[in-house]
């Protein structure tokens, strides 16, 4: 769970699940930052949304990683760890990010 604070415009905000996608070298650095993808329960059918099933993810219902909202946050915003996403989810998030950045 991450406290994103008050949203502006279409940003995801408030306290919600997120997937940490940054490498351990950043997560463990003195910068105190991590790169995360916020999660929503709203199905919108966008190519930048990656479906996450409940279970090992720690989520209670099917949710969606909103890759278009990827952001760097202070680790002080982290409330607690919910679970783990599998490598297949991370691969789909990588592909969605490549799509968004036209890479």
PDB file of N, CA and C in Angstrom:
ATOM      1  N   UNK A   1       0.845  -1.179   0.000  1.00  0.00           N
ATOM      2  CA  UNK A   1       0.000   0.000   0.000  1.00  0.00           C
ATOM      3  C   UNK A   1       0.887   1.237   0.000  1.00  0.00           C
ATOM      4  N   UNK A   2       0.489   2.191  -0.814  1.00  0.00           N
ATOM      5  CA  UNK A   2       1.242   3.437  -0.939  1.00  0.00           C
ATOM      6  C   UNK A   2       0.273   4.603  -0.741  1.00  0.00           C
ATOM      7  N   UNK A   3       0.697   5.604   0.002  1.00  0.00           N
ATOM      8  CA  UNK A   3      -0.102   6.816   0.162  1.00  0.00           C
ATOM      9  C   UNK A   3       0.358   7.820  -0.891  1.00  0.00           C
ATOM     10  N   UNK A   4      -0.406   7.959  -1.965  1.00  0.00           N
ATOM     11  CA  UNK A   4      -0.048   8.851  -3.064  1.00  0.00           C
ATOM     12  C   UNK A   4      -0.447  10.302  -2.800  1.00  0.00           C
ATOM     13  N   UNK A   5      -1.149  10.560  -1.717  1.00  0.00           N
ATOM     14  CA  UNK A   5      -1.581  11.925  -1.433  1.00  0.00           C
ATOM     15  C   UNK A   5      -2.781  12.309  -2.284  1.00  0.00           C
ATOM     16  N   UNK A   6      -3.081  13.584  -2.294  1.00  0.00           N
ATOM     17  CA  UNK A   6      -4.238  14.087  -3.035  1.00  0.00           C
ATOM     18  C   UNK A   6      -3.961  14.075  -4.539  1.00  0.00           C
ATOM     19  N   UNK A   7      -4.879  13.500  -5.324  1.00  0.00           N
ATOM     20  CA  UNK A   7      -4.688  13.471  -6.776  1.00  0.00           C
ATOM     21  C   UNK A   7      -4.990  14.823  -7.412  1.00  0.00           C
ATOM     22  N   UNK A   8      -4.352  15.067  -8.528  1.00  0.00           N
ATOM     23  CA  UNK A   8      -4.632  16.245  -9.350  1.00  0.00           C
ATOM     24  C   UNK A   8      -5.015  15.736 -10.734  1.00  0.00           C
ATOM     25  N   UNK A   9      -6.114  16.238 -11.275  1.00  0.00           N
ATOM     26  CA  UNK A   9      -6.555  15.785 -12.593  1.00  0.00           C
ATOM     27  C   UNK A   9      -6.889  14.302 -12.573  1.00  0.00           C
ATOM     28  N   UNK A  10      -6.296  13.551 -13.497  1.00  0.00           N
ATOM     29  CA  UNK A  10      -6.586  12.124 -13.627  1.00  0.00           C
ATOM     30  C   UNK A  10      -5.563  11.240 -12.929  1.00  0.00           C
ATOM     31  N   UNK A  11      -4.695  11.822 -12.107  1.00  0.00           N
ATOM     32  CA  UNK A  11      -3.711  11.024 -11.368  1.00  0.00           C
ATOM     33  C   UNK A  11      -4.410  10.074 -10.403  1.00  0.00           C
ATOM     34  N   UNK A  12      -3.755   8.956 -10.136  1.00  0.00           N
ATOM     35  CA  UNK A  12      -4.202   8.093  -9.058  1.00  0.00           C
ATOM     36  C   UNK A  12      -3.685   8.702  -7.770  1.00  0.00           C
ATOM     37  N   UNK A  13      -4.502   8.721  -6.761  1.00  0.00           N
ATOM     38  CA  UNK A  13      -4.098   9.321  -5.506  1.00  0.00           C
ATOM     39  C   UNK A  13      -4.598   8.521  -4.329  1.00  0.00           C
ATOM     40  N   UNK A  14      -4.442   9.117  -3.173  1.00  0.00           N
ATOM     41  CA  UNK A  14      -4.863   8.540  -1.908  1.00  0.00           C
ATOM     42  C   UNK A  14      -4.068   7.266  -1.609  1.00  0.00           C
ATOM     43  N   UNK A  15      -4.567   6.478  -0.696  1.00  0.00           N
ATOM     44  CA  UNK A  15      -3.870   5.255  -0.283  1.00  0.00           C
ATOM     45  C   UNK A  15      -4.399   4.089  -1.105  1.00  0.00           C
ATOM     46  N   UNK A  16      -3.495   3.407  -1.810  1.00  0.00           N
ATOM     47  CA  UNK A  16      -3.920   2.318  -2.692  1.00  0.00           C
ATOM     48  C   UNK A  16      -2.760   1.360  -2.930  1.00  0.00           C
ATOM     49  N   UNK A  17      -3.057   0.158  -3.418  1.00  0.00           N
ATOM     50  CA  UNK A  17      -1.976  -0.767  -3.771  1.00  0.00           C
ATOM     51  C   UNK A  17      -1.163  -0.225  -4.943  1.00  0.00           C
ATOM     52  N   UNK A  18       0.071  -0.665  -5.027  1.00  0.00           N
ATOM     53  CA  UNK A  18       0.954  -0.317  -6.143  1.00  0.00           C
ATOM     54  C   UNK A  18       1.956  -1.443  -6.318  1.00  0.00           C
ATOM     55  N   UNK A  19       2.470  -1.575  -7.528  1.00  0.00           N
ATOM     56  CA  UNK A  19       3.505  -2.567  -7.829  1.00  0.00           C
ATOM     57  C   UNK A  19       4.838  -1.834  -7.927  1.00  0.00           C
ATOM     58  N   UNK A  20       5.811  -2.273  -7.130  1.00  0.00           N
ATOM     59  CA  UNK A  20       7.161  -1.707  -7.220  1.00  0.00           C
ATOM     60  C   UNK A  20       7.829  -2.336  -8.436  1.00  0.00           C
ATOM     61  N   UNK A  21       8.246  -1.505  -9.395  1.00  0.00           N
ATOM     62  CA  UNK A  21       8.847  -2.010 -10.629  1.00  0.00           C
ATOM     63  C   UNK A  21      10.318  -1.633 -10.764  1.00  0.00           C
ATOM     64  N   UNK A  22      10.833  -0.817  -9.859  1.00  0.00           N
ATOM     65  CA  UNK A  22      12.241  -0.406  -9.944  1.00  0.00           C
ATOM     66  C   UNK A  22      13.160  -1.533  -9.492  1.00  0.00           C
ATOM     67  N   UNK A  23      14.395  -1.458  -9.972  1.00  0.00           N
ATOM     68  CA  UNK A  23      15.417  -2.445  -9.627  1.00  0.00           C
ATOM     69  C   UNK A  23      15.848  -2.270  -8.175  1.00  0.00           C
ATOM     70  N   UNK A  24      16.318  -3.359  -7.586  1.00  0.00           N
ATOM     71  CA  UNK A  24      16.785  -3.309  -6.203  1.00  0.00           C
ATOM     72  C   UNK A  24      17.876  -2.269  -6.002  1.00  0.00           C
ATOM     73  N   UNK A  25      18.693  -2.018  -7.035  1.00  0.00           N
ATOM     74  CA  UNK A  25      19.767  -1.025  -6.870  1.00  0.00           C
ATOM     75  C   UNK A  25      19.197   0.361  -6.588  1.00  0.00           C
ATOM     76  N   UNK A  26      18.013   0.677  -7.087  1.00  0.00           N
ATOM     77  CA  UNK A  26      17.361   1.939  -6.733  1.00  0.00           C
ATOM     78  C   UNK A  26      16.650   1.803  -5.389  1.00  0.00           C
ATOM     79  N   UNK A  27      15.913   0.707  -5.217  1.00  0.00           N
ATOM     80  CA  UNK A  27      15.133   0.519  -3.993  1.00  0.00           C
ATOM     81  C   UNK A  27      16.007   0.544  -2.745  1.00  0.00           C
ATOM     82  N   UNK A  28      17.248   0.087  -2.863  1.00  0.00           N
ATOM     83  CA  UNK A  28      18.153   0.011  -1.705  1.00  0.00           C
ATOM     84  C   UNK A  28      19.146   1.167  -1.642  1.00  0.00           C
ATOM     85  N   UNK A  29      19.022   2.106  -2.562  1.00  0.00           N
ATOM     86  CA  UNK A  29      19.975   3.220  -2.606  1.00  0.00           C
ATOM     87  C   UNK A  29      19.629   4.271  -1.549  1.00  0.00           C
ATOM     88  N   UNK A  30      20.560   5.182  -1.347  1.00  0.00           N
ATOM     89  CA  UNK A  30      20.344   6.252  -0.371  1.00  0.00           C
ATOM     90  C   UNK A  30      19.319   7.269  -0.853  1.00  0.00           C
ATOM     91  N   UNK A  31      18.914   7.177  -2.110  1.00  0.00           N
ATOM     92  CA  UNK A  31      17.904   8.110  -2.631  1.00  0.00           C
ATOM     93  C   UNK A  31      16.573   7.955  -1.898  1.00  0.00           C
ATOM     94  N   UNK A  32      16.292   6.739  -1.410  1.00  0.00           N
ATOM     95  CA  UNK A  32      15.038   6.502  -0.704  1.00  0.00           C
ATOM     96  C   UNK A  32      13.823   6.553  -1.606  1.00  0.00           C
ATOM     97  N   UNK A  33      14.037   6.256  -2.898  1.00  0.00           N
ATOM     98  CA  UNK A  33      12.958   6.291  -3.886  1.00  0.00           C
ATOM     99  C   UNK A  33      12.718   4.915  -4.484  1.00  0.00           C
ATOM    100  N   UNK A  34      11.504   4.694  -4.950  1.00  0.00           N
ATOM    101  CA  UNK A  34      11.159   3.509  -5.725  1.00  0.00           C
ATOM    102  C   UNK A  34      10.231   3.944  -6.849  1.00  0.00           C
ATOM    103  N   UNK A  35      10.271   3.205  -7.945  1.00  0.00           N
ATOM    104  CA  UNK A  35       9.364   3.457  -9.066  1.00  0.00           C
ATOM    105  C   UNK A  35       8.211   2.470  -8.935  1.00  0.00           C
ATOM    106  N   UNK A  36       6.989   2.990  -8.961  1.00  0.00           N
ATOM    107  CA  UNK A  36       5.810   2.162  -8.722  1.00  0.00           C
ATOM    108  C   UNK A  36       4.756   2.383  -9.802  1.00  0.00           C
ATOM    109  N   UNK A  37       3.889   1.386  -9.931  1.00  0.00           N
ATOM    110  CA  UNK A  37       2.718   1.469 -10.808  1.00  0.00           C
ATOM    111  C   UNK A  37       1.483   1.351  -9.912  1.00  0.00           C
ATOM    112  N   UNK A  38       0.662   2.399  -9.832  1.00  0.00           N
ATOM    113  CA  UNK A  38      -0.552   2.345  -9.012  1.00  0.00           C
ATOM    114  C   UNK A  38      -1.542   1.304  -9.541  1.00  0.00           C
ATOM    115  N   UNK A  39      -2.367   0.800  -8.638  1.00  0.00           N
ATOM    116  CA  UNK A  39      -3.342  -0.244  -8.966  1.00  0.00           C
ATOM    117  C   UNK A  39      -4.750   0.290  -8.718  1.00  0.00           C
ATOM    118  N   UNK A  40      -5.671  -0.092  -9.603  1.00  0.00           N
ATOM    119  CA  UNK A  40      -7.081   0.281  -9.472  1.00  0.00           C
ATOM    120  C   UNK A  40      -7.950  -0.968  -9.606  1.00  0.00           C
ATOM    121  N   UNK A  41      -9.160  -0.913  -9.076  1.00  0.00           N
ATOM    122  CA  UNK A  41     -10.109  -2.019  -9.252  1.00  0.00           C
ATOM    123  C   UNK A  41     -10.987  -1.813 -10.480  1.00  0.00           C
ATOM    124  N   UNK A  42     -10.912  -0.644 -11.096  1.00  0.00           N
ATOM    125  CA  UNK A  42     -11.779  -0.304 -12.224  1.00  0.00           C
ATOM    126  C   UNK A  42     -11.233  -0.868 -13.533  1.00  0.00           C
ATOM    127  N   UNK A  43     -12.054  -1.688 -14.188  1.00  0.00           N
ATOM    128  CA  UNK A  43     -11.681  -2.258 -15.490  1.00  0.00           C
ATOM    129  C   UNK A  43     -12.037  -1.244 -16.575  1.00  0.00           C
ATOM    130  N   UNK A  44     -11.022  -0.831 -17.327  1.00  0.00           N
ATOM    131  CA  UNK A  44     -11.268   0.131 -18.406  1.00  0.00           C
ATOM    132  C   UNK A  44     -10.907  -0.443 -19.780  1.00  0.00           C
ATOM    133  N   UNK A  45     -10.258  -1.600 -19.803  1.00  0.00           N
ATOM    134  CA  UNK A  45      -9.919  -2.219 -21.075  1.00  0.00           C
ATOM    135  C   UNK A  45      -8.826  -1.511 -21.844  1.00  0.00           C
ATOM    136  N   UNK A  46      -7.996  -0.746 -21.163  1.00  0.00           N
ATOM    137  CA  UNK A  46      -6.912  -0.019 -21.832  1.00  0.00           C
ATOM    138  C   UNK A  46      -5.698  -0.923 -22.030  1.00  0.00           C
ATOM    139  N   UNK A  47      -4.954  -0.738 -23.127  1.00  0.00           N
ATOM    140  CA  UNK A  47      -3.770  -1.577 -23.354  1.00  0.00           C
ATOM    141  C   UNK A  47      -2.673  -1.338 -22.318  1.00  0.00           C
ATOM    142  N   UNK A  48      -2.749  -0.237 -21.599  1.00  0.00           N
ATOM    143  CA  UNK A  48      -1.745   0.063 -20.577  1.00  0.00           C
ATOM    144  C   UNK A  48      -2.126  -0.480 -19.202  1.00  0.00           C
ATOM    145  N   UNK A  49      -3.246  -1.183 -19.104  1.00  0.00           N
ATOM    146  CA  UNK A  49      -3.663  -1.786 -17.835  1.00  0.00           C
ATOM    147  C   UNK A  49      -3.330  -3.271 -17.843  1.00  0.00           C
ATOM    148  N   UNK A  50      -2.699  -3.733 -16.773  1.00  0.00           N
ATOM    149  CA  UNK A  50      -2.322  -5.138 -16.641  1.00  0.00           C
ATOM    150  C   UNK A  50      -3.169  -5.750 -15.531  1.00  0.00           C
ATOM    151  N   UNK A  51      -3.916  -6.790 -15.873  1.00  0.00           N
ATOM    152  CA  UNK A  51      -4.804  -7.435 -14.905  1.00  0.00           C
ATOM    153  C   UNK A  51      -3.998  -8.195 -13.857  1.00  0.00           C
ATOM    154  N   UNK A  52      -4.398  -8.023 -12.599  1.00  0.00           N
ATOM    155  CA  UNK A  52      -3.770  -8.703 -11.469  1.00  0.00           C
ATOM    156  C   UNK A  52      -4.845  -9.487 -10.732  1.00  0.00           C
ATOM    157  N   UNK A  53      -4.657 -10.784 -10.605  1.00  0.00           N
ATOM    158  CA  UNK A  53      -5.631 -11.627  -9.928  1.00  0.00           C
ATOM    159  C   UNK A  53      -5.402 -11.589  -8.419  1.00  0.00           C
ATOM    160  N   UNK A  54      -6.469 -11.823  -7.645  1.00  0.00           N
ATOM    161  CA  UNK A  54      -6.282 -11.908  -6.198  1.00  0.00           C
ATOM    162  C   UNK A  54      -5.468 -13.157  -5.854  1.00  0.00           C
ATOM    163  N   UNK A  55      -5.051 -13.254  -4.632  1.00  0.00           N
ATOM    164  CA  UNK A  55      -4.251 -14.404  -4.210  1.00  0.00           C
ATOM    165  C   UNK A  55      -2.891 -13.966  -3.733  1.00  0.00           C
ATOM    166  N   UNK A  56      -1.843 -14.470  -4.385  1.00  0.00           N
ATOM    167  CA  UNK A  56      -0.474 -14.158  -3.991  1.00  0.00           C
ATOM    168  C   UNK A  56      -0.130 -12.688  -4.093  1.00  0.00           C
ATOM    169  N   UNK A  57      -0.917 -11.954  -4.873  1.00  0.00           N
ATOM    170  CA  UNK A  57      -0.684 -10.515  -5.005  1.00  0.00           C
ATOM    171  C   UNK A  57      -1.092  -9.762  -3.742  1.00  0.00           C
ATOM    172  N   UNK A  58      -1.871 -10.416  -2.884  1.00  0.00           N
ATOM    173  CA  UNK A  58      -2.369  -9.755  -1.683  1.00  0.00           C
ATOM    174  C   UNK A  58      -3.631  -8.950  -1.926  1.00  0.00           C
ATOM    175  N   UNK A  59      -4.101  -8.939  -3.164  1.00  0.00           N
ATOM    176  CA  UNK A  59      -5.324  -8.214  -3.506  1.00  0.00           C
ATOM    177  C   UNK A  59      -6.530  -9.092  -3.193  1.00  0.00           C
ATOM    178  N   UNK A  60      -7.650  -8.478  -2.854  1.00  0.00           N
ATOM    179  CA  UNK A  60      -8.860  -9.227  -2.514  1.00  0.00           C
ATOM    180  C   UNK A  60      -9.776  -9.438  -3.711  1.00  0.00           C
ATOM    181  N   UNK A  61      -9.548  -8.704  -4.773  1.00  0.00           N
ATOM    182  CA  UNK A  61     -10.344  -8.875  -5.988  1.00  0.00           C
ATOM    183  C   UNK A  61      -9.483  -8.531  -7.198  1.00  0.00           C
ATOM    184  N   UNK A  62      -9.943  -8.946  -8.367  1.00  0.00           N
ATOM    185  CA  UNK A  62      -9.214  -8.637  -9.590  1.00  0.00           C
ATOM    186  C   UNK A  62      -9.021  -7.132  -9.695  1.00  0.00           C
ATOM    187  N   UNK A  63      -7.784  -6.737  -9.985  1.00  0.00           N
ATOM    188  CA  UNK A  63      -7.427  -5.321 -10.075  1.00  0.00           C
ATOM    189  C   UNK A  63      -6.542  -5.114 -11.291  1.00  0.00           C
ATOM    190  N   UNK A  64      -6.155  -3.858 -11.538  1.00  0.00           N
ATOM    191  CA  UNK A  64      -5.414  -3.529 -12.749  1.00  0.00           C
ATOM    192  C   UNK A  64      -4.280  -2.563 -12.437  1.00  0.00           C
ATOM    193  N   UNK A  65      -3.073  -2.932 -12.854  1.00  0.00           N
ATOM    194  CA  UNK A  65      -1.919  -2.046 -12.726  1.00  0.00           C
ATOM    195  C   UNK A  65      -2.023  -1.006 -13.828  1.00  0.00           C
ATOM    196  N   UNK A  66      -2.031   0.277 -13.454  1.00  0.00           N
ATOM    197  CA  UNK A  66      -2.200   1.388 -14.405  1.00  0.00           C
ATOM    198  C   UNK A  66      -0.821   1.874 -14.834  1.00  0.00           C
ATOM    199  N   UNK A  67      -0.251   1.208 -15.818  1.00  0.00           N
ATOM    200  CA  UNK A  67       1.120   1.496 -16.232  1.00  0.00           C
ATOM    201  C   UNK A  67       1.273   2.937 -16.706  1.00  0.00           C
ATOM    202  N   UNK A  68       0.218   3.540 -17.232  1.00  0.00           N
ATOM    203  CA  UNK A  68       0.319   4.933 -17.680  1.00  0.00           C
ATOM    204  C   UNK A  68       0.546   5.898 -16.512  1.00  0.00           C
ATOM    205  N   UNK A  69       0.350   5.437 -15.280  1.00  0.00           N
ATOM    206  CA  UNK A  69       0.556   6.271 -14.094  1.00  0.00           C
ATOM    207  C   UNK A  69       1.865   5.959 -13.368  1.00  0.00           C
ATOM    208  N   UNK A  70       2.806   5.309 -14.037  1.00  0.00           N
ATOM    209  CA  UNK A  70       4.084   4.965 -13.398  1.00  0.00           C
ATOM    210  C   UNK A  70       4.713   6.226 -12.814  1.00  0.00           C
ATOM    211  N   UNK A  71       5.279   6.103 -11.612  1.00  0.00           N
ATOM    212  CA  UNK A  71       5.872   7.281 -10.973  1.00  0.00           C
ATOM    213  C   UNK A  71       6.920   6.884  -9.947  1.00  0.00           C
ATOM    214  N   UNK A  72       7.791   7.822  -9.663  1.00  0.00           N
ATOM    215  CA  UNK A  72       8.798   7.674  -8.627  1.00  0.00           C
ATOM    216  C   UNK A  72       8.226   8.250  -7.341  1.00  0.00           C
ATOM    217  N   UNK A  73       8.331   7.491  -6.247  1.00  0.00           N
ATOM    218  CA  UNK A  73       7.809   7.964  -4.963  1.00  0.00           C
ATOM    219  C   UNK A  73       8.835   7.729  -3.863  1.00  0.00           C
ATOM    220  N   UNK A  74       8.752   8.544  -2.835  1.00  0.00           N
ATOM    221  CA  UNK A  74       9.573   8.336  -1.651  1.00  0.00           C
ATOM    222  C   UNK A  74       9.119   7.054  -0.961  1.00  0.00           C
ATOM    223  N   UNK A  75      10.062   6.283  -0.462  1.00  0.00           N
ATOM    224  CA  UNK A  75       9.708   5.063   0.263  1.00  0.00           C
ATOM    225  C   UNK A  75       8.987   5.376   1.569  1.00  0.00           C
ATOM    226  N   UNK A  76       9.020   6.620   2.002  1.00  0.00           N
ATOM    227  CA  UNK A  76       8.263   7.023   3.189  1.00  0.00           C
ATOM    228  C   UNK A  76       6.760   6.968   2.923  1.00  0.00           C
ATOM    229  N   UNK A  77       6.366   6.904   1.659  1.00  0.00           N
ATOM    230  CA  UNK A  77       4.948   6.794   1.304  1.00  0.00           C
ATOM    231  C   UNK A  77       4.434   5.357   1.440  1.00  0.00           C
ATOM    232  N   UNK A  78       5.326   4.384   1.606  1.00  0.00           N
ATOM    233  CA  UNK A  78       4.911   2.986   1.706  1.00  0.00           C
ATOM    234  C   UNK A  78       4.266   2.728   3.068  1.00  0.00           C
ATOM    235  N   UNK A  79       3.077   2.121   3.047  1.00  0.00           N
ATOM    236  CA  UNK A  79       2.378   1.789   4.286  1.00  0.00           C
ATOM    237  C   UNK A  79       2.660   0.348   4.704  1.00  0.00           C
ATOM    238  N   UNK A  80       2.468  -0.596   3.780  1.00  0.00           N
ATOM    239  CA  UNK A  80       2.737  -2.006   4.085  1.00  0.00           C
ATOM    240  C   UNK A  80       2.815  -2.798   2.789  1.00  0.00           C
ATOM    241  N   UNK A  81       3.430  -3.959   2.879  1.00  0.00           N
ATOM    242  CA  UNK A  81       3.547  -4.846   1.721  1.00  0.00           C
ATOM    243  C   UNK A  81       2.333  -5.767   1.682  1.00  0.00           C
ATOM    244  N   UNK A  82       1.754  -5.915   0.500  1.00  0.00           N
ATOM    245  CA  UNK A  82       0.578  -6.766   0.349  1.00  0.00           C
ATOM    246  C   UNK A  82       0.922  -8.158  -0.142  1.00  0.00           C
ATOM    247  N   UNK A  83       1.754  -8.256  -1.172  1.00  0.00           N
ATOM    248  CA  UNK A  83       2.056  -9.540  -1.788  1.00  0.00           C
ATOM    249  C   UNK A  83       3.076  -9.363  -2.886  1.00  0.00           C
ATOM    250  N   UNK A  84       3.081 -10.319  -3.809  1.00  0.00           N
ATOM    251  CA  UNK A  84       4.076 -10.338  -4.884  1.00  0.00           C
ATOM    252  C   UNK A  84       3.368 -10.605  -6.207  1.00  0.00           C
ATOM    253  N   UNK A  85       3.784  -9.905  -7.257  1.00  0.00           N
ATOM    254  CA  UNK A  85       3.296 -10.222  -8.601  1.00  0.00           C
ATOM    255  C   UNK A  85       4.328 -11.107  -9.282  1.00  0.00           C
ATOM    256  N   UNK A  86       3.874 -11.936 -10.181  1.00  0.00           N
ATOM    257  CA  UNK A  86       4.766 -12.860 -10.865  1.00  0.00           C
ATOM    258  C   UNK A  86       5.516 -12.222 -12.020  1.00  0.00           C
ATOM    259  N   UNK A  87       6.519 -12.940 -12.532  1.00  0.00           N
ATOM    260  CA  UNK A  87       7.304 -12.414 -13.648  1.00  0.00           C
ATOM    261  C   UNK A  87       6.462 -12.164 -14.895  1.00  0.00           C
ATOM    262  N   UNK A  88       5.389 -12.927 -15.083  1.00  0.00           N
ATOM    263  CA  UNK A  88       4.524 -12.700 -16.243  1.00  0.00           C
ATOM    264  C   UNK A  88       3.827 -11.341 -16.149  1.00  0.00           C
ATOM    265  N   UNK A  89       3.417 -10.948 -14.942  1.00  0.00           N
ATOM    266  CA  UNK A  89       2.816  -9.619 -14.754  1.00  0.00           C
ATOM    267  C   UNK A  89       3.839  -8.527 -15.038  1.00  0.00           C
ATOM    268  N   UNK A  90       5.058  -8.701 -14.533  1.00  0.00           N
ATOM    269  CA  UNK A  90       6.105  -7.695 -14.758  1.00  0.00           C
ATOM    270  C   UNK A  90       6.436  -7.570 -16.240  1.00  0.00           C
ATOM    271  N   UNK A  91       6.443  -8.692 -16.948  1.00  0.00           N
ATOM    272  CA  UNK A  91       6.702  -8.657 -18.389  1.00  0.00           C
ATOM    273  C   UNK A  91       5.603  -7.875 -19.109  1.00  0.00           C
ATOM    274  N   UNK A  92       4.352  -8.109 -18.738  1.00  0.00           N
ATOM    275  CA  UNK A  92       3.238  -7.378 -19.368  1.00  0.00           C
ATOM    276  C   UNK A  92       3.309  -5.887 -19.052  1.00  0.00           C
ATOM    277  N   UNK A  93       3.747  -5.547 -17.836  1.00  0.00           N
ATOM    278  CA  UNK A  93       3.911  -4.128 -17.491  1.00  0.00           C
ATOM    279  C   UNK A  93       5.042  -3.507 -18.301  1.00  0.00           C
ATOM    280  N   UNK A  94       6.124  -4.253 -18.506  1.00  0.00           N
ATOM    281  CA  UNK A  94       7.237  -3.773 -19.332  1.00  0.00           C
ATOM    282  C   UNK A  94       6.763  -3.528 -20.759  1.00  0.00           C
ATOM    283  N   UNK A  95       5.987  -4.453 -21.304  1.00  0.00           N
ATOM    284  CA  UNK A  95       5.463  -4.299 -22.663  1.00  0.00           C
ATOM    285  C   UNK A  95       4.525  -3.095 -22.758  1.00  0.00           C
ATOM    286  N   UNK A  96       3.692  -2.895 -21.737  1.00  0.00           N
ATOM    287  CA  UNK A  96       2.792  -1.738 -21.737  1.00  0.00           C
ATOM    288  C   UNK A  96       3.587  -0.437 -21.681  1.00  0.00           C
ATOM    289  N   UNK A  97       4.661  -0.412 -20.890  1.00  0.00           N
ATOM    290  CA  UNK A  97       5.497   0.789 -20.805  1.00  0.00           C
ATOM    291  C   UNK A  97       6.184   1.064 -22.139  1.00  0.00           C
ATOM    292  N   UNK A  98       6.665   0.017 -22.805  1.00  0.00           N
ATOM    293  CA  UNK A  98       7.273   0.187 -24.132  1.00  0.00           C
ATOM    294  C   UNK A  98       6.253   0.761 -25.112  1.00  0.00           C
ATOM    295  N   UNK A  99       5.019   0.284 -25.034  1.00  0.00           N
ATOM    296  CA  UNK A  99       3.946   0.786 -25.895  1.00  0.00           C
ATOM    297  C   UNK A  99       3.711   2.276 -25.633  1.00  0.00           C
ATOM    298  N   UNK A 100       3.632   2.656 -24.357  1.00  0.00           N
ATOM    299  CA  UNK A 100       3.363   4.050 -23.991  1.00  0.00           C
ATOM    300  C   UNK A 100       4.489   4.994 -24.385  1.00  0.00           C
ATOM    301  N   UNK A 101       5.732   4.501 -24.312  1.00  0.00           N
ATOM    302  CA  UNK A 101       6.897   5.336 -24.625  1.00  0.00           C
ATOM    303  C   UNK A 101       7.354   5.189 -26.071  1.00  0.00           C
ATOM    304  N   UNK A 102       6.595   4.389 -26.842  1.00  0.00           N
ATOM    305  CA  UNK A 102       6.917   4.157 -28.250  1.00  0.00           C
ATOM    306  C   UNK A 102       8.352   3.659 -28.412  1.00  0.00           C
ATOM    307  N   UNK A 103       8.701   2.672 -27.623  1.00  0.00           N
ATOM    308  CA  UNK A 103      10.064   2.110 -27.647  1.00  0.00           C
ATOM    309  C   UNK A 103      10.093   0.786 -28.395  1.00  0.00           C
TER     310      UNK A 103
END
